[in-house]
Amino acid sequence: MATPEQSARSKIDALLAAAGWAVQDAAAANIHAARGVAIREFPLPGYGFADYLLYVDGRAAGVIEAKKEGVTLTGVETQSDKYTKGLPAGLPRWRNPLPFSYQSTG
């Protein structure tokens, strides 16, 4: 049985795919697979893992912080904003910090 966090991520995966995003795991990521690529559990050294790192045209554009259903998202933006500034040097991006930061419960 899926945990609440897994259920939220499954819903977010489905919503991203329905909107045209290619949803991929970090271990097998291809940032050029589609115009929009969402990479799950992207490692950010010193910051942890971004639940989703969003790429547009091969460059990082934003992050999504996923929380289980029922979690109040107030205050979560601090965590996702931290991820927008924590990309490894040399990673292609639109700007620093990233322009988009989202929070979702699925």
PDB file of N, CA and C in Angstrom:
ATOM      1  N   MET A   1       0.850  -1.183   0.000  1.00  0.00           N
ATOM      2  CA  MET A   1       0.000   0.000   0.000  1.00  0.00           C
ATOM      3  C   MET A   1       0.894   1.245   0.000  1.00  0.00           C
ATOM      4  N   ALA A   2       0.506   2.226  -0.763  1.00  0.00           N
ATOM      5  CA  ALA A   2       1.297   3.452  -0.905  1.00  0.00           C
ATOM      6  C   ALA A   2       1.188   4.326   0.346  1.00  0.00           C
ATOM      7  N   THR A   3       2.305   4.958   0.690  1.00  0.00           N
ATOM      8  CA  THR A   3       2.298   5.928   1.788  1.00  0.00           C
ATOM      9  C   THR A   3       1.597   7.198   1.306  1.00  0.00           C
ATOM     10  N   PRO A   4       1.178   8.073   2.219  1.00  0.00           N
ATOM     11  CA  PRO A   4       0.566   9.338   1.789  1.00  0.00           C
ATOM     12  C   PRO A   4       1.492  10.154   0.876  1.00  0.00           C
ATOM     13  N   GLU A   5       2.799  10.119   1.148  1.00  0.00           N
ATOM     14  CA  GLU A   5       3.753  10.848   0.309  1.00  0.00           C
ATOM     15  C   GLU A   5       3.805  10.253  -1.095  1.00  0.00           C
ATOM     16  N   GLN A   6       3.803   8.909  -1.177  1.00  0.00           N
ATOM     17  CA  GLN A   6       3.818   8.246  -2.478  1.00  0.00           C
ATOM     18  C   GLN A   6       2.538   8.546  -3.254  1.00  0.00           C
ATOM     19  N   SER A   7       1.407   8.580  -2.561  1.00  0.00           N
ATOM     20  CA  SER A   7       0.134   8.908  -3.218  1.00  0.00           C
ATOM     21  C   SER A   7       0.157  10.320  -3.785  1.00  0.00           C
ATOM     22  N   ALA A   8       0.687  11.267  -3.006  1.00  0.00           N
ATOM     23  CA  ALA A   8       0.780  12.652  -3.489  1.00  0.00           C
ATOM     24  C   ALA A   8       1.674  12.723  -4.717  1.00  0.00           C
ATOM     25  N   ARG A   9       2.808  12.032  -4.683  1.00  0.00           N
ATOM     26  CA  ARG A   9       3.731  12.067  -5.827  1.00  0.00           C
ATOM     27  C   ARG A   9       3.118  11.407  -7.050  1.00  0.00           C
ATOM     28  N   SER A  10       2.357  10.328  -6.859  1.00  0.00           N
ATOM     29  CA  SER A  10       1.684   9.677  -7.990  1.00  0.00           C
ATOM     30  C   SER A  10       0.700  10.632  -8.651  1.00  0.00           C
ATOM     31  N   LYS A  11      -0.042  11.372  -7.827  1.00  0.00           N
ATOM     32  CA  LYS A  11      -0.991  12.351  -8.366  1.00  0.00           C
ATOM     33  C   LYS A  11      -0.255  13.464  -9.106  1.00  0.00           C
ATOM     34  N   ILE A  12       0.839  13.941  -8.520  1.00  0.00           N
ATOM     35  CA  ILE A  12       1.615  15.010  -9.162  1.00  0.00           C
ATOM     36  C   ILE A  12       2.209  14.502 -10.472  1.00  0.00           C
ATOM     37  N   ASP A  13       2.740  13.269 -10.482  1.00  0.00           N
ATOM     38  CA  ASP A  13       3.258  12.679 -11.726  1.00  0.00           C
ATOM     39  C   ASP A  13       2.183  12.694 -12.811  1.00  0.00           C
ATOM     40  N   ALA A  14       0.979  12.249 -12.450  1.00  0.00           N
ATOM     41  CA  ALA A  14      -0.112  12.178 -13.424  1.00  0.00           C
ATOM     42  C   ALA A  14      -0.502  13.566 -13.925  1.00  0.00           C
ATOM     43  N   LEU A  15      -0.560  14.543 -13.029  1.00  0.00           N
ATOM     44  CA  LEU A  15      -0.901  15.912 -13.435  1.00  0.00           C
ATOM     45  C   LEU A  15       0.166  16.499 -14.353  1.00  0.00           C
ATOM     46  N   LEU A  16       1.433  16.278 -14.022  1.00  0.00           N
ATOM     47  CA  LEU A  16       2.513  16.772 -14.878  1.00  0.00           C
ATOM     48  C   LEU A  16       2.456  16.115 -16.258  1.00  0.00           C
ATOM     49  N   ALA A  17       2.277  14.793 -16.293  1.00  0.00           N
ATOM     50  CA  ALA A  17       2.207  14.080 -17.572  1.00  0.00           C
ATOM     51  C   ALA A  17       1.018  14.564 -18.404  1.00  0.00           C
ATOM     52  N   ALA A  18      -0.129  14.779 -17.765  1.00  0.00           N
ATOM     53  CA  ALA A  18      -1.311  15.267 -18.484  1.00  0.00           C
ATOM     54  C   ALA A  18      -1.092  16.663 -19.058  1.00  0.00           C
ATOM     55  N   ALA A  19      -0.207  17.436 -18.420  1.00  0.00           N
ATOM     56  CA  ALA A  19       0.100  18.788 -18.897  1.00  0.00           C
ATOM     57  C   ALA A  19       1.232  18.788 -19.928  1.00  0.00           C
ATOM     58  N   GLY A  20       1.726  17.594 -20.288  1.00  0.00           N
ATOM     59  CA  GLY A  20       2.735  17.504 -21.331  1.00  0.00           C
ATOM     60  C   GLY A  20       4.173  17.383 -20.862  1.00  0.00           C
ATOM     61  N   TRP A  21       4.391  17.276 -19.557  1.00  0.00           N
ATOM     62  CA  TRP A  21       5.749  17.128 -19.030  1.00  0.00           C
ATOM     63  C   TRP A  21       6.188  15.670 -19.136  1.00  0.00           C
ATOM     64  N   ALA A  22       7.455  15.447 -19.458  1.00  0.00           N
ATOM     65  CA  ALA A  22       8.055  14.119 -19.375  1.00  0.00           C
ATOM     66  C   ALA A  22       8.555  13.970 -17.939  1.00  0.00           C
ATOM     67  N   VAL A  23       8.022  13.005 -17.211  1.00  0.00           N
ATOM     68  CA  VAL A  23       8.386  12.806 -15.806  1.00  0.00           C
ATOM     69  C   VAL A  23       9.404  11.669 -15.741  1.00  0.00           C
ATOM     70  N   GLN A  24      10.560  11.950 -15.132  1.00  0.00           N
ATOM     71  CA  GLN A  24      11.667  10.993 -15.123  1.00  0.00           C
ATOM     72  C   GLN A  24      12.274  10.878 -13.729  1.00  0.00           C
ATOM     73  N   ASP A  25      12.947   9.749 -13.500  1.00  0.00           N
ATOM     74  CA  ASP A  25      13.738   9.573 -12.283  1.00  0.00           C
ATOM     75  C   ASP A  25      15.102  10.215 -12.491  1.00  0.00           C
ATOM     76  N   ALA A  26      15.703  10.715 -11.427  1.00  0.00           N
ATOM     77  CA  ALA A  26      16.996  11.392 -11.523  1.00  0.00           C
ATOM     78  C   ALA A  26      18.079  10.471 -12.084  1.00  0.00           C
ATOM     79  N   ALA A  27      18.040   9.189 -11.735  1.00  0.00           N
ATOM     80  CA  ALA A  27      19.085   8.260 -12.168  1.00  0.00           C
ATOM     81  C   ALA A  27      19.102   8.042 -13.679  1.00  0.00           C
ATOM     82  N   ALA A  28      17.968   8.250 -14.337  1.00  0.00           N
ATOM     83  CA  ALA A  28      17.883   8.009 -15.782  1.00  0.00           C
ATOM     84  C   ALA A  28      17.378   9.243 -16.519  1.00  0.00           C
ATOM     85  N   ALA A  29      17.744  10.413 -16.037  1.00  0.00           N
ATOM     86  CA  ALA A  29      17.201  11.658 -16.593  1.00  0.00           C
ATOM     87  C   ALA A  29      17.812  12.004 -17.945  1.00  0.00           C
ATOM     88  N   ASN A  30      16.950  12.498 -18.831  1.00  0.00           N
ATOM     89  CA  ASN A  30      17.365  13.047 -20.120  1.00  0.00           C
ATOM     90  C   ASN A  30      16.652  14.388 -20.249  1.00  0.00           C
ATOM     91  N   ILE A  31      17.358  15.474 -19.965  1.00  0.00           N
ATOM     92  CA  ILE A  31      16.723  16.797 -19.929  1.00  0.00           C
ATOM     93  C   ILE A  31      16.298  17.290 -21.304  1.00  0.00           C
ATOM     94  N   HIS A  32      16.652  16.543 -22.351  1.00  0.00           N
ATOM     95  CA  HIS A  32      16.259  16.920 -23.710  1.00  0.00           C
ATOM     96  C   HIS A  32      15.188  15.984 -24.274  1.00  0.00           C
ATOM     97  N   ALA A  33      14.583  15.145 -23.430  1.00  0.00           N
ATOM     98  CA  ALA A  33      13.580  14.184 -23.880  1.00  0.00           C
ATOM     99  C   ALA A  33      12.303  14.863 -24.368  1.00  0.00           C
ATOM    100  N   ALA A  34      12.025  16.048 -23.867  1.00  0.00           N
ATOM    101  CA  ALA A  34      10.820  16.797 -24.237  1.00  0.00           C
ATOM    102  C   ALA A  34      11.088  18.265 -23.941  1.00  0.00           C
ATOM    103  N   ARG A  35      10.195  19.116 -24.393  1.00  0.00           N
ATOM    104  CA  ARG A  35      10.363  20.544 -24.090  1.00  0.00           C
ATOM    105  C   ARG A  35      10.320  20.783 -22.584  1.00  0.00           C
ATOM    106  N   GLY A  36       9.425  20.079 -21.882  1.00  0.00           N
ATOM    107  CA  GLY A  36       9.327  20.172 -20.429  1.00  0.00           C
ATOM    108  C   GLY A  36       9.648  18.829 -19.797  1.00  0.00           C
ATOM    109  N   VAL A  37      10.629  18.793 -18.912  1.00  0.00           N
ATOM    110  CA  VAL A  37      11.025  17.560 -18.232  1.00  0.00           C
ATOM    111  C   VAL A  37      10.994  17.815 -16.728  1.00  0.00           C
ATOM    112  N   ALA A  38      10.302  16.940 -16.007  1.00  0.00           N
ATOM    113  CA  ALA A  38      10.244  17.004 -14.541  1.00  0.00           C
ATOM    114  C   ALA A  38      11.029  15.820 -14.000  1.00  0.00           C
ATOM    115  N   ILE A  39      12.091  16.106 -13.258  1.00  0.00           N
ATOM    116  CA  ILE A  39      12.948  15.052 -12.728  1.00  0.00           C
ATOM    117  C   ILE A  39      12.653  14.873 -11.242  1.00  0.00           C
ATOM    118  N   ARG A  40      12.266  13.635 -10.887  1.00  0.00           N
ATOM    119  CA  ARG A  40      11.933  13.301  -9.502  1.00  0.00           C
ATOM    120  C   ARG A  40      13.192  13.157  -8.652  1.00  0.00           C
ATOM    121  N   GLU A  41      13.093  13.578  -7.382  1.00  0.00           N
ATOM    122  CA  GLU A  41      14.139  13.357  -6.374  1.00  0.00           C
ATOM    123  C   GLU A  41      15.518  13.773  -6.878  1.00  0.00           C
ATOM    124  N   PHE A  42      15.618  15.018  -7.320  1.00  0.00           N
ATOM    125  CA  PHE A  42      16.878  15.527  -7.855  1.00  0.00           C
ATOM    126  C   PHE A  42      17.802  15.910  -6.703  1.00  0.00           C
ATOM    127  N   PRO A  43      19.016  15.317  -6.642  1.00  0.00           N
ATOM    128  CA  PRO A  43      19.929  15.609  -5.533  1.00  0.00           C
ATOM    129  C   PRO A  43      20.534  17.008  -5.628  1.00  0.00           C
ATOM    130  N   LEU A  44      20.488  17.728  -4.527  1.00  0.00           N
ATOM    131  CA  LEU A  44      21.087  19.059  -4.429  1.00  0.00           C
ATOM    132  C   LEU A  44      22.081  19.023  -3.276  1.00  0.00           C
ATOM    133  N   PRO A  45      23.366  18.831  -3.573  1.00  0.00           N
ATOM    134  CA  PRO A  45      24.367  18.710  -2.507  1.00  0.00           C
ATOM    135  C   PRO A  45      24.278  19.857  -1.498  1.00  0.00           C
ATOM    136  N   GLY A  46      24.204  19.483  -0.234  1.00  0.00           N
ATOM    137  CA  GLY A  46      24.103  20.466   0.834  1.00  0.00           C
ATOM    138  C   GLY A  46      22.681  20.917   1.125  1.00  0.00           C
ATOM    139  N   TYR A  47      21.720  20.499   0.288  1.00  0.00           N
ATOM    140  CA  TYR A  47      20.332  20.931   0.457  1.00  0.00           C
ATOM    141  C   TYR A  47      19.362  19.759   0.560  1.00  0.00           C
ATOM    142  N   GLY A  48      19.783  18.567   0.199  1.00  0.00           N
ATOM    143  CA  GLY A  48      18.884  17.426   0.185  1.00  0.00           C
ATOM    144  C   GLY A  48      18.433  17.102  -1.224  1.00  0.00           C
ATOM    145  N   PHE A  49      17.156  16.791  -1.374  1.00  0.00           N
ATOM    146  CA  PHE A  49      16.604  16.410  -2.669  1.00  0.00           C
ATOM    147  C   PHE A  49      15.399  17.283  -2.987  1.00  0.00           C
ATOM    148  N   ALA A  50      15.382  17.844  -4.182  1.00  0.00           N
ATOM    149  CA  ALA A  50      14.176  18.520  -4.663  1.00  0.00           C
ATOM    150  C   ALA A  50      13.219  17.423  -5.112  1.00  0.00           C
ATOM    151  N   ASP A  51      11.967  17.479  -4.681  1.00  0.00           N
ATOM    152  CA  ASP A  51      11.013  16.451  -5.099  1.00  0.00           C
ATOM    153  C   ASP A  51      10.913  16.407  -6.617  1.00  0.00           C
ATOM    154  N   TYR A  52      10.867  17.563  -7.253  1.00  0.00           N
ATOM    155  CA  TYR A  52      10.880  17.653  -8.717  1.00  0.00           C
ATOM    156  C   TYR A  52      11.715  18.863  -9.118  1.00  0.00           C
ATOM    157  N   LEU A  53      12.613  18.657 -10.063  1.00  0.00           N
ATOM    158  CA  LEU A  53      13.326  19.765 -10.693  1.00  0.00           C
ATOM    159  C   LEU A  53      12.772  19.870 -12.102  1.00  0.00           C
ATOM    160  N   LEU A  54      12.272  21.042 -12.456  1.00  0.00           N
ATOM    161  CA  LEU A  54      11.620  21.261 -13.742  1.00  0.00           C
ATOM    162  C   LEU A  54      12.586  21.867 -14.747  1.00  0.00           C
ATOM    163  N   TYR A  55      12.681  21.222 -15.906  1.00  0.00           N
ATOM    164  CA  TYR A  55      13.507  21.719 -17.010  1.00  0.00           C
ATOM    165  C   TYR A  55      12.606  22.159 -18.151  1.00  0.00           C
ATOM    166  N   VAL A  56      12.939  23.274 -18.756  1.00  0.00           N
ATOM    167  CA  VAL A  56      12.266  23.751 -19.963  1.00  0.00           C
ATOM    168  C   VAL A  56      13.360  24.002 -20.995  1.00  0.00           C
ATOM    169  N   ASP A  57      13.220  23.361 -22.143  1.00  0.00           N
ATOM    170  CA  ASP A  57      14.205  23.487 -23.223  1.00  0.00           C
ATOM    171  C   ASP A  57      15.628  23.213 -22.743  1.00  0.00           C
ATOM    172  N   GLY A  58      15.791  22.200 -21.899  1.00  0.00           N
ATOM    173  CA  GLY A  58      17.108  21.766 -21.463  1.00  0.00           C
ATOM    174  C   GLY A  58      17.755  22.584 -20.365  1.00  0.00           C
ATOM    175  N   ARG A  59      17.004  23.521 -19.798  1.00  0.00           N
ATOM    176  CA  ARG A  59      17.550  24.335 -18.704  1.00  0.00           C
ATOM    177  C   ARG A  59      16.591  24.310 -17.518  1.00  0.00           C
ATOM    178  N   ALA A  60      17.164  24.234 -16.311  1.00  0.00           N
ATOM    179  CA  ALA A  60      16.351  24.216 -15.097  1.00  0.00           C
ATOM    180  C   ALA A  60      15.568  25.521 -14.983  1.00  0.00           C
ATOM    181  N   ALA A  61      14.280  25.382 -14.652  1.00  0.00           N
ATOM    182  CA  ALA A  61      13.400  26.549 -14.557  1.00  0.00           C
ATOM    183  C   ALA A  61      12.699  26.657 -13.210  1.00  0.00           C
ATOM    184  N   GLY A  62      12.560  25.539 -12.482  1.00  0.00           N
ATOM    185  CA  GLY A  62      11.841  25.606 -11.219  1.00  0.00           C
ATOM    186  C   GLY A  62      11.850  24.295 -10.472  1.00  0.00           C
ATOM    187  N   VAL A  63      11.223  24.311  -9.307  1.00  0.00           N
ATOM    188  CA  VAL A  63      11.118  23.127  -8.454  1.00  0.00           C
ATOM    189  C   VAL A  63       9.678  22.970  -7.978  1.00  0.00           C
ATOM    190  N   ILE A  64       9.342  21.732  -7.638  1.00  0.00           N
ATOM    191  CA  ILE A  64       8.073  21.436  -6.973  1.00  0.00           C
ATOM    192  C   ILE A  64       8.412  20.699  -5.686  1.00  0.00           C
ATOM    193  N   GLU A  65       7.898  21.179  -4.584  1.00  0.00           N
ATOM    194  CA  GLU A  65       8.022  20.492  -3.300  1.00  0.00           C
ATOM    195  C   GLU A  65       6.696  19.785  -3.044  1.00  0.00           C
ATOM    196  N   ALA A  66       6.734  18.455  -2.954  1.00  0.00           N
ATOM    197  CA  ALA A  66       5.535  17.645  -2.767  1.00  0.00           C
ATOM    198  C   ALA A  66       5.349  17.308  -1.292  1.00  0.00           C
ATOM    199  N   LYS A  67       4.135  17.473  -0.814  1.00  0.00           N
ATOM    200  CA  LYS A  67       3.777  17.101   0.556  1.00  0.00           C
ATOM    201  C   LYS A  67       2.548  16.208   0.505  1.00  0.00           C
ATOM    202  N   LYS A  68       2.370  15.408   1.541  1.00  0.00           N
ATOM    203  CA  LYS A  68       1.206  14.533   1.567  1.00  0.00           C
ATOM    204  C   LYS A  68      -0.069  15.359   1.698  1.00  0.00           C
ATOM    205  N   GLU A  69      -1.161  14.776   1.227  1.00  0.00           N
ATOM    206  CA  GLU A  69      -2.461  15.443   1.285  1.00  0.00           C
ATOM    207  C   GLU A  69      -2.792  15.793   2.725  1.00  0.00           C
ATOM    208  N   GLY A  70      -3.331  16.988   2.915  1.00  0.00           N
ATOM    209  CA  GLY A  70      -3.724  17.441   4.239  1.00  0.00           C
ATOM    210  C   GLY A  70      -2.697  18.321   4.921  1.00  0.00           C
ATOM    211  N   VAL A  71      -1.475  18.346   4.396  1.00  0.00           N
ATOM    212  CA  VAL A  71      -0.429  19.197   4.971  1.00  0.00           C
ATOM    213  C   VAL A  71      -0.689  20.640   4.568  1.00  0.00           C
ATOM    214  N   THR A  72      -0.629  21.540   5.520  1.00  0.00           N
ATOM    215  CA  THR A  72      -0.755  22.961   5.216  1.00  0.00           C
ATOM    216  C   THR A  72       0.529  23.410   4.532  1.00  0.00           C
ATOM    217  N   LEU A  73       0.396  24.055   3.389  1.00  0.00           N
ATOM    218  CA  LEU A  73       1.569  24.436   2.603  1.00  0.00           C
ATOM    219  C   LEU A  73       2.202  25.747   3.053  1.00  0.00           C
ATOM    220  N   THR A  74       1.554  26.439   3.978  1.00  0.00           N
ATOM    221  CA  THR A  74       2.145  27.669   4.502  1.00  0.00           C
ATOM    222  C   THR A  74       3.478  27.334   5.154  1.00  0.00           C
ATOM    223  N   GLY A  75       4.510  28.009   4.750  1.00  0.00           N
ATOM    224  CA  GLY A  75       5.848  27.769   5.272  1.00  0.00           C
ATOM    225  C   GLY A  75       6.687  26.833   4.427  1.00  0.00           C
ATOM    226  N   VAL A  76       6.041  26.014   3.593  1.00  0.00           N
ATOM    227  CA  VAL A  76       6.772  25.076   2.740  1.00  0.00           C
ATOM    228  C   VAL A  76       7.548  25.827   1.659  1.00  0.00           C
ATOM    229  N   GLU A  77       7.078  27.023   1.312  1.00  0.00           N
ATOM    230  CA  GLU A  77       7.770  27.795   0.264  1.00  0.00           C
ATOM    231  C   GLU A  77       9.211  28.113   0.656  1.00  0.00           C
ATOM    232  N   THR A  78       9.488  28.188   1.942  1.00  0.00           N
ATOM    233  CA  THR A  78      10.865  28.421   2.392  1.00  0.00           C
ATOM    234  C   THR A  78      11.772  27.281   1.946  1.00  0.00           C
ATOM    235  N   GLN A  79      11.272  26.052   2.063  1.00  0.00           N
ATOM    236  CA  GLN A  79      12.041  24.880   1.648  1.00  0.00           C
ATOM    237  C   GLN A  79      12.249  24.873   0.136  1.00  0.00           C
ATOM    238  N   SER A  80      11.187  25.080  -0.638  1.00  0.00           N
ATOM    239  CA  SER A  80      11.340  25.048  -2.092  1.00  0.00           C
ATOM    240  C   SER A  80      12.150  26.234  -2.601  1.00  0.00           C
ATOM    241  N   ASP A  81      12.032  27.389  -1.966  1.00  0.00           N
ATOM    242  CA  ASP A  81      12.856  28.540  -2.362  1.00  0.00           C
ATOM    243  C   ASP A  81      14.335  28.248  -2.145  1.00  0.00           C
ATOM    244  N   LYS A  82      14.644  27.532  -1.073  1.00  0.00           N
ATOM    245  CA  LYS A  82      16.036  27.134  -0.811  1.00  0.00           C
ATOM    246  C   LYS A  82      16.563  26.287  -1.969  1.00  0.00           C
ATOM    247  N   TYR A  83      15.728  25.397  -2.494  1.00  0.00           N
ATOM    248  CA  TYR A  83      16.147  24.545  -3.606  1.00  0.00           C
ATOM    249  C   TYR A  83      16.394  25.349  -4.883  1.00  0.00           C
ATOM    250  N   THR A  84      15.672  26.443  -5.073  1.00  0.00           N
ATOM    251  CA  THR A  84      15.871  27.244  -6.290  1.00  0.00           C
ATOM    252  C   THR A  84      17.250  27.882  -6.322  1.00  0.00           C
ATOM    253  N   LYS A  85      17.895  27.967  -5.164  1.00  0.00           N
ATOM    254  CA  LYS A  85      19.225  28.586  -5.065  1.00  0.00           C
ATOM    255  C   LYS A  85      20.334  27.551  -4.919  1.00  0.00           C
ATOM    256  N   GLY A  86      19.985  26.271  -4.766  1.00  0.00           N
ATOM    257  CA  GLY A  86      20.971  25.256  -4.428  1.00  0.00           C
ATOM    258  C   GLY A  86      21.420  24.352  -5.555  1.00  0.00           C
ATOM    259  N   LEU A  87      21.278  24.783  -6.793  1.00  0.00           N
ATOM    260  CA  LEU A  87      21.694  23.934  -7.906  1.00  0.00           C
ATOM    261  C   LEU A  87      23.209  23.843  -7.992  1.00  0.00           C
ATOM    262  N   PRO A  88      23.717  22.665  -8.362  1.00  0.00           N
ATOM    263  CA  PRO A  88      25.160  22.528  -8.533  1.00  0.00           C
ATOM    264  C   PRO A  88      25.681  23.476  -9.616  1.00  0.00           C
ATOM    265  N   ALA A  89      26.903  23.945  -9.438  1.00  0.00           N
ATOM    266  CA  ALA A  89      27.528  24.818 -10.437  1.00  0.00           C
ATOM    267  C   ALA A  89      27.592  24.085 -11.774  1.00  0.00           C
ATOM    268  N   GLY A  90      27.391  24.811 -12.836  1.00  0.00           N
ATOM    269  CA  GLY A  90      27.476  24.235 -14.170  1.00  0.00           C
ATOM    270  C   GLY A  90      26.193  23.614 -14.678  1.00  0.00           C
ATOM    271  N   LEU A  91      25.185  23.472 -13.813  1.00  0.00           N
ATOM    272  CA  LEU A  91      23.909  22.918 -14.255  1.00  0.00           C
ATOM    273  C   LEU A  91      23.192  23.972 -15.092  1.00  0.00           C
ATOM    274  N   PRO A  92      22.757  23.626 -16.319  1.00  0.00           N
ATOM    275  CA  PRO A  92      22.092  24.640 -17.141  1.00  0.00           C
ATOM    276  C   PRO A  92      20.804  25.122 -16.489  1.00  0.00           C
ATOM    277  N   ARG A  93      20.609  26.426 -16.449  1.00  0.00           N
ATOM    278  CA  ARG A  93      19.429  27.012 -15.798  1.00  0.00           C
ATOM    279  C   ARG A  93      19.058  28.303 -16.509  1.00  0.00           C
ATOM    280  N   TRP A  94      17.818  28.707 -16.322  1.00  0.00           N
ATOM    281  CA  TRP A  94      17.356  29.959 -16.926  1.00  0.00           C
ATOM    282  C   TRP A  94      17.930  31.153 -16.195  1.00  0.00           C
ATOM    283  N   ARG A  95      17.977  31.074 -14.894  1.00  0.00           N
ATOM    284  CA  ARG A  95      18.619  32.123 -14.091  1.00  0.00           C
ATOM    285  C   ARG A  95      18.825  31.589 -12.677  1.00  0.00           C
ATOM    286  N   ASN A  96      19.571  32.337 -11.893  1.00  0.00           N
ATOM    287  CA  ASN A  96      19.847  31.937 -10.518  1.00  0.00           C
ATOM    288  C   ASN A  96      19.418  33.063  -9.592  1.00  0.00           C
ATOM    289  N   PRO A  97      18.502  32.838  -8.669  1.00  0.00           N
ATOM    290  CA  PRO A  97      17.817  31.579  -8.419  1.00  0.00           C
ATOM    291  C   PRO A  97      16.810  31.259  -9.522  1.00  0.00           C
ATOM    292  N   LEU A  98      16.328  30.024  -9.518  1.00  0.00           N
ATOM    293  CA  LEU A  98      15.339  29.616 -10.517  1.00  0.00           C
ATOM    294  C   LEU A  98      14.082  30.471 -10.388  1.00  0.00           C
ATOM    295  N   PRO A  99      13.413  30.749 -11.520  1.00  0.00           N
ATOM    296  CA  PRO A  99      12.265  31.656 -11.468  1.00  0.00           C
ATOM    297  C   PRO A  99      10.972  31.063 -10.902  1.00  0.00           C
ATOM    298  N   PHE A 100      10.849  29.722 -10.844  1.00  0.00           N
ATOM    299  CA  PHE A 100       9.583  29.127 -10.420  1.00  0.00           C
ATOM    300  C   PHE A 100       9.777  28.185  -9.240  1.00  0.00           C
ATOM    301  N   SER A 101       8.886  28.318  -8.257  1.00  0.00           N
ATOM    302  CA  SER A 101       8.916  27.503  -7.049  1.00  0.00           C
ATOM    303  C   SER A 101       7.471  27.157  -6.695  1.00  0.00           C
ATOM    304  N   TYR A 102       7.163  25.860  -6.708  1.00  0.00           N
ATOM    305  CA  TYR A 102       5.794  25.411  -6.454  1.00  0.00           C
ATOM    306  C   TYR A 102       5.757  24.470  -5.259  1.00  0.00           C
ATOM    307  N   GLN A 103       4.601  24.412  -4.614  1.00  0.00           N
ATOM    308  CA  GLN A 103       4.343  23.471  -3.539  1.00  0.00           C
ATOM    309  C   GLN A 103       3.022  22.787  -3.862  1.00  0.00           C
ATOM    310  N   SER A 104       2.934  21.472  -3.591  1.00  0.00           N
ATOM    311  CA  SER A 104       1.718  20.750  -3.940  1.00  0.00           C
ATOM    312  C   SER A 104       1.483  19.580  -2.991  1.00  0.00           C
ATOM    313  N   THR A 105       0.220  19.284  -2.765  1.00  0.00           N
ATOM    314  CA  THR A 105      -0.173  18.081  -2.032  1.00  0.00           C
ATOM    315  C   THR A 105      -0.782  17.054  -2.983  1.00  0.00           C
ATOM    316  N   GLY A 106      -0.605  17.280  -4.265  1.00  0.00           N
ATOM    317  CA  GLY A 106      -1.145  16.361  -5.264  1.00  0.00           C
ATOM    318  C   GLY A 106      -2.518  16.789  -5.624  1.00  0.00           C
TER     319      GLY A 106
END
